[in-house]
Amino acid sequence: MSHAYYQLPSGRVACVDGDCPFPPVHHALQEPNGLVAIGGDLSLDRLLAAYRQGIFPWFSEGEPILWWSLHPRMVLLPDEFKMARSLKKAMHNKGFESRFNTAFRQVITACSNVPRHGQSGTWITQDIIEAYCRLFEAGFAVSSETWLDGQLVGGCYGVKIGRMFYGESMFHHKTDASKVAFAHLVEHLKQSDVAMIDCQMNTAHLASLGAREIDRAAFIKQLSTLVSKM
């Protein structure tokens, strides 16, 4: 099926309404970095097709669905995870309890309410929440949760396909609670034989944990192998 296109100042981008498939990720615009397509929906099949190709949705309320494949890509190999001494102390000395997949909707909803520096709203809209809850119900999403005295105080979530994990967002209501959730998640993913964690964008915090940038072509090459191993 041939694509219709939107013309943007920096180039044209494919429309993926209806059954139209995603274009190859190397067609993504350089500015804004990695915009692959516009439109489509957040159905289970569409989201799985996107993630299997290294594409993810990211858009604000009132915008059409925007699909991205960034270049370069920030990734974390589980064996390269760096745990600070202070985090180790927090995991053992603050009374936190770690759980997985017991409160997925609570975690993603809490993530949607986190204030973001320089942003007036959130990309985790109600439509995104419902879409990722469907992914969770189908067995393709994971939540790592930190509890304290019976209350959910931190967590993170993402999408797991085969041996690949795509980190999405995190939150905390207590100091270190999201970091503890992420550390437990990395260990959980290692035990599940996950070989690569997609962190999407480069931040100093992610780099401090051992994440690093790789070329998009290298990312897609590894991805194609990892998502096929269910």
Protein backbone atom coordinates (compact mmCIF):
# COMPACT_ATOMS: atom_id res chain seq x y z
CA MET A 1 0.00 0.00 0.00
CA SER A 2 1.43 3.38 -0.98
CA HIS A 3 1.62 6.18 1.57
CA ALA A 4 0.08 9.59 1.56
CA TYR A 5 2.45 12.23 2.93
CA TYR A 6 2.38 15.34 5.07
CA GLN A 7 4.72 18.08 3.92
CA LEU A 8 6.64 19.66 6.78
CA PRO A 9 9.23 22.45 6.54
CA SER A 10 12.03 19.89 7.03
CA GLY A 11 10.64 17.29 4.64
CA ARG A 12 7.69 15.01 4.10
CA VAL A 13 6.47 12.38 6.54
CA ALA A 14 4.25 9.38 5.83
CA CYS A 15 0.63 9.12 6.90
CA VAL A 16 -0.26 5.72 8.36
CA ASP A 17 -4.02 6.01 8.66
CA GLY A 18 -6.10 2.90 8.09
CA ASP A 19 -4.09 -0.23 7.31
CA CYS A 20 -1.11 1.67 5.90
CA PRO A 21 2.14 0.17 7.27
CA PHE A 22 5.02 2.13 8.73
CA PRO A 23 7.69 3.23 6.26
CA PRO A 24 11.29 2.05 6.81
CA VAL A 25 12.81 3.87 9.78
CA HIS A 26 15.67 5.23 7.70
CA HIS A 27 13.04 7.46 6.08
CA ALA A 28 12.64 9.29 9.40
CA LEU A 29 13.22 13.03 9.36
CA GLN A 30 16.44 14.43 10.78
CA GLU A 31 14.56 17.47 12.07
CA PRO A 32 12.64 16.87 14.23
CA ASN A 33 14.91 13.98 15.06
CA GLY A 34 13.38 10.65 14.12
CA LEU A 35 9.81 11.50 13.11
CA VAL A 36 8.73 8.48 11.02
CA ALA A 37 5.00 8.84 10.52
CA ILE A 38 1.80 10.62 11.49
CA GLY A 39 -1.66 9.19 12.11
CA GLY A 40 -2.89 5.65 12.55
CA ASP A 41 -4.24 4.47 15.88
CA LEU A 42 -3.15 2.99 19.20
CA SER A 43 -4.56 -0.47 18.64
CA LEU A 44 -2.72 -3.47 20.01
CA ASP A 45 -1.65 -4.62 16.54
CA ARG A 46 -0.43 -1.14 15.54
CA LEU A 47 1.62 -0.69 18.73
CA LEU A 48 3.21 -4.13 18.47
CA ALA A 49 4.07 -3.51 14.81
CA ALA A 50 5.66 -0.20 15.80
CA TYR A 51 7.76 -1.55 18.65
CA ARG A 52 8.95 -4.50 16.59
CA GLN A 53 10.41 -1.94 14.17
CA GLY A 54 11.92 0.31 16.82
CA ILE A 55 9.15 2.91 16.51
CA PHE A 56 7.21 4.43 19.42
CA PRO A 57 4.35 6.95 19.77
CA TRP A 58 5.02 10.32 21.39
CA PHE A 59 2.60 13.21 21.09
CA SER A 60 0.68 15.71 23.20
CA GLU A 61 -3.03 16.09 23.80
CA GLY A 62 -4.72 17.59 20.75
CA GLU A 63 -1.97 16.49 18.32
CA PRO A 64 -2.25 13.66 15.80
CA ILE A 65 -0.39 10.50 16.77
CA LEU A 66 3.31 11.02 16.03
CA TRP A 67 5.59 7.99 15.57
CA TRP A 68 9.35 8.19 16.21
CA SER A 69 12.60 6.28 15.69
CA LEU A 70 15.41 8.36 17.13
CA HIS A 71 18.98 8.59 15.86
CA PRO A 72 21.12 7.87 17.77
CA ARG A 73 19.29 5.66 20.29
CA MET A 74 20.02 5.45 24.02
CA VAL A 75 20.16 1.84 25.24
CA LEU A 76 21.16 -0.03 28.36
CA LEU A 77 22.53 -3.56 28.25
CA PRO A 78 21.42 -5.20 31.51
CA ASP A 79 24.92 -6.49 32.29
CA GLU A 80 26.26 -2.91 32.04
CA PHE A 81 23.85 -1.47 34.62
CA LYS A 82 25.71 0.62 37.20
CA MET A 83 24.23 0.77 40.68
CA ALA A 84 25.44 3.58 42.92
CA ARG A 85 26.33 2.77 46.51
CA SER A 86 23.60 5.13 47.72
CA LEU A 87 21.01 3.21 45.70
CA LYS A 88 22.14 -0.09 47.18
CA LYS A 89 21.66 1.42 50.66
CA ALA A 90 18.20 2.70 49.71
CA MET A 91 17.17 -0.74 48.46
CA HIS A 92 18.10 -2.37 51.75
CA ASN A 93 17.58 0.30 54.40
CA LYS A 94 14.42 2.22 53.55
CA GLY A 95 11.85 -0.52 54.03
CA PHE A 96 10.79 -0.62 50.38
CA GLU A 97 8.98 -3.66 48.97
CA SER A 98 9.40 -4.54 45.31
CA ARG A 99 6.56 -5.96 43.24
CA PHE A 100 5.95 -6.60 39.54
CA ASN A 101 2.73 -6.27 37.55
CA THR A 102 0.38 -5.83 40.50
CA ALA A 103 -0.64 -2.21 39.79
CA PHE A 104 0.12 -1.43 36.15
CA ARG A 105 -2.70 1.08 35.70
CA GLN A 106 -1.72 2.87 38.92
CA VAL A 107 1.89 3.12 37.76
CA ILE A 108 1.16 4.53 34.30
CA THR A 109 -1.44 6.91 35.73
CA ALA A 110 1.07 8.16 38.31
CA CYS A 111 3.64 8.62 35.55
CA SER A 112 1.13 10.74 33.63
CA ASN A 113 0.88 13.13 36.58
CA VAL A 114 4.62 13.76 36.98
CA PRO A 115 5.55 17.40 36.23
CA ARG A 116 8.10 17.54 33.38
CA HIS A 117 10.69 20.30 33.17
CA GLY A 118 9.85 22.62 30.30
CA GLN A 119 6.53 20.87 29.56
CA SER A 120 3.08 22.20 30.41
CA GLY A 121 1.32 18.86 29.92
CA THR A 122 1.98 15.16 29.52
CA TRP A 123 2.36 12.84 26.56
CA ILE A 124 0.77 10.06 28.66
CA THR A 125 -2.79 10.97 27.71
CA GLN A 126 -5.83 8.92 28.68
CA ASP A 127 -5.72 7.29 25.25
CA ILE A 128 -2.11 6.25 25.89
CA ILE A 129 -3.04 4.89 29.32
CA GLU A 130 -5.81 2.74 27.86
CA ALA A 131 -3.62 1.55 24.98
CA TYR A 132 -0.77 0.45 27.25
CA CYS A 133 -3.17 -1.21 29.66
CA ARG A 134 -4.31 -3.29 26.67
CA LEU A 135 -0.65 -4.14 25.99
CA PHE A 136 -0.33 -5.20 29.63
CA GLU A 137 -3.45 -7.35 29.50
CA ALA A 138 -2.07 -9.04 26.38
CA GLY A 139 1.22 -9.82 28.15
CA PHE A 140 3.42 -7.25 26.40
CA ALA A 141 3.89 -4.63 29.14
CA VAL A 142 5.55 -4.72 32.54
CA SER A 143 5.34 -2.56 35.65
CA SER A 144 7.99 -2.51 38.36
CA GLU A 145 6.62 -1.13 41.60
CA THR A 146 8.04 0.16 44.87
CA TRP A 147 5.74 -0.07 47.87
CA LEU A 148 6.13 1.34 51.38
CA ASP A 149 3.74 0.52 54.20
CA GLY A 150 1.20 -0.78 51.73
CA GLN A 151 1.32 2.31 49.51
CA LEU A 152 2.63 2.56 45.95
CA VAL A 153 5.41 5.17 46.20
CA GLY A 154 7.34 4.69 42.97
CA GLY A 155 7.51 2.68 39.80
CA CYS A 156 8.27 2.39 36.12
CA TYR A 157 6.78 0.61 33.15
CA GLY A 158 7.59 -0.45 29.62
CA VAL A 159 6.95 -2.85 26.78
CA LYS A 160 8.55 -6.31 26.50
CA ILE A 161 8.68 -8.21 23.22
CA GLY A 162 10.87 -11.30 23.09
CA ARG A 163 14.28 -10.43 24.55
CA MET A 164 13.77 -6.70 24.06
CA PHE A 165 12.44 -4.19 26.61
CA TYR A 166 11.36 -0.63 25.87
CA GLY A 167 11.42 1.64 28.91
CA GLU A 168 8.66 4.24 28.89
CA SER A 169 8.36 6.31 32.07
CA MET A 170 8.78 6.35 35.85
CA PHE A 171 7.56 8.23 38.90
CA HIS A 172 8.24 8.54 42.62
CA HIS A 173 6.45 9.88 45.68
CA LYS A 174 9.35 9.00 47.99
CA THR A 175 13.03 9.72 47.44
CA ASP A 176 14.78 6.91 45.53
CA ALA A 177 11.54 4.95 44.99
CA SER A 178 11.68 5.13 41.18
CA LYS A 179 15.40 4.29 41.15
CA VAL A 180 14.73 1.26 43.32
CA ALA A 181 11.94 0.16 40.97
CA PHE A 182 14.25 0.50 37.98
CA ALA A 183 17.08 -1.42 39.65
CA HIS A 184 14.73 -4.28 40.48
CA LEU A 185 13.36 -4.12 36.94
CA VAL A 186 16.83 -4.53 35.42
CA GLU A 187 17.47 -7.60 37.56
CA HIS A 188 14.03 -8.98 36.66
CA LEU A 189 14.74 -8.47 32.96
CA LYS A 190 18.15 -10.16 33.26
CA GLN A 191 16.46 -13.19 34.76
CA SER A 192 13.99 -13.11 31.85
CA ASP A 193 16.91 -13.18 29.37
CA VAL A 194 16.28 -9.66 28.06
CA ALA A 195 19.38 -8.52 26.18
CA MET A 196 18.71 -4.81 25.59
CA ILE A 197 16.69 -2.04 27.23
CA ASP A 198 15.64 0.86 25.02
CA CYS A 199 15.93 4.15 26.91
CA GLN A 200 15.08 6.29 23.86
CA MET A 201 16.77 9.61 24.65
CA ASN A 202 20.14 10.54 26.13
CA THR A 203 20.05 12.00 29.63
CA ALA A 204 22.80 12.41 32.21
CA HIS A 205 20.84 10.22 34.63
CA LEU A 206 20.58 7.35 32.15
CA ALA A 207 24.27 7.66 31.29
CA SER A 208 25.13 7.43 35.00
CA LEU A 209 23.30 4.09 35.10
CA GLY A 210 25.41 2.69 32.27
CA ALA A 211 23.22 3.52 29.27
CA ARG A 212 24.90 4.65 26.06
CA GLU A 213 24.02 5.83 22.58
CA ILE A 214 24.22 3.57 19.55
CA ASP A 215 23.60 4.23 15.89
CA ARG A 216 19.99 3.69 14.79
CA ALA A 217 21.03 1.15 12.16
CA ALA A 218 22.88 -0.87 14.81
CA PHE A 219 19.87 -0.61 17.11
CA ILE A 220 17.49 -1.88 14.43
CA LYS A 221 19.83 -4.72 13.48
CA GLN A 222 19.97 -6.00 17.08
CA LEU A 223 16.28 -5.36 17.57
CA SER A 224 15.23 -7.50 14.61
CA THR A 225 16.89 -10.51 16.24
CA LEU A 226 15.74 -9.85 19.78
CA VAL A 227 12.03 -9.33 19.10
CA SER A 228 11.84 -12.59 17.14
CA LYS A 229 12.87 -14.62 20.19
CA MET A 230 9.61 -14.99 22.09
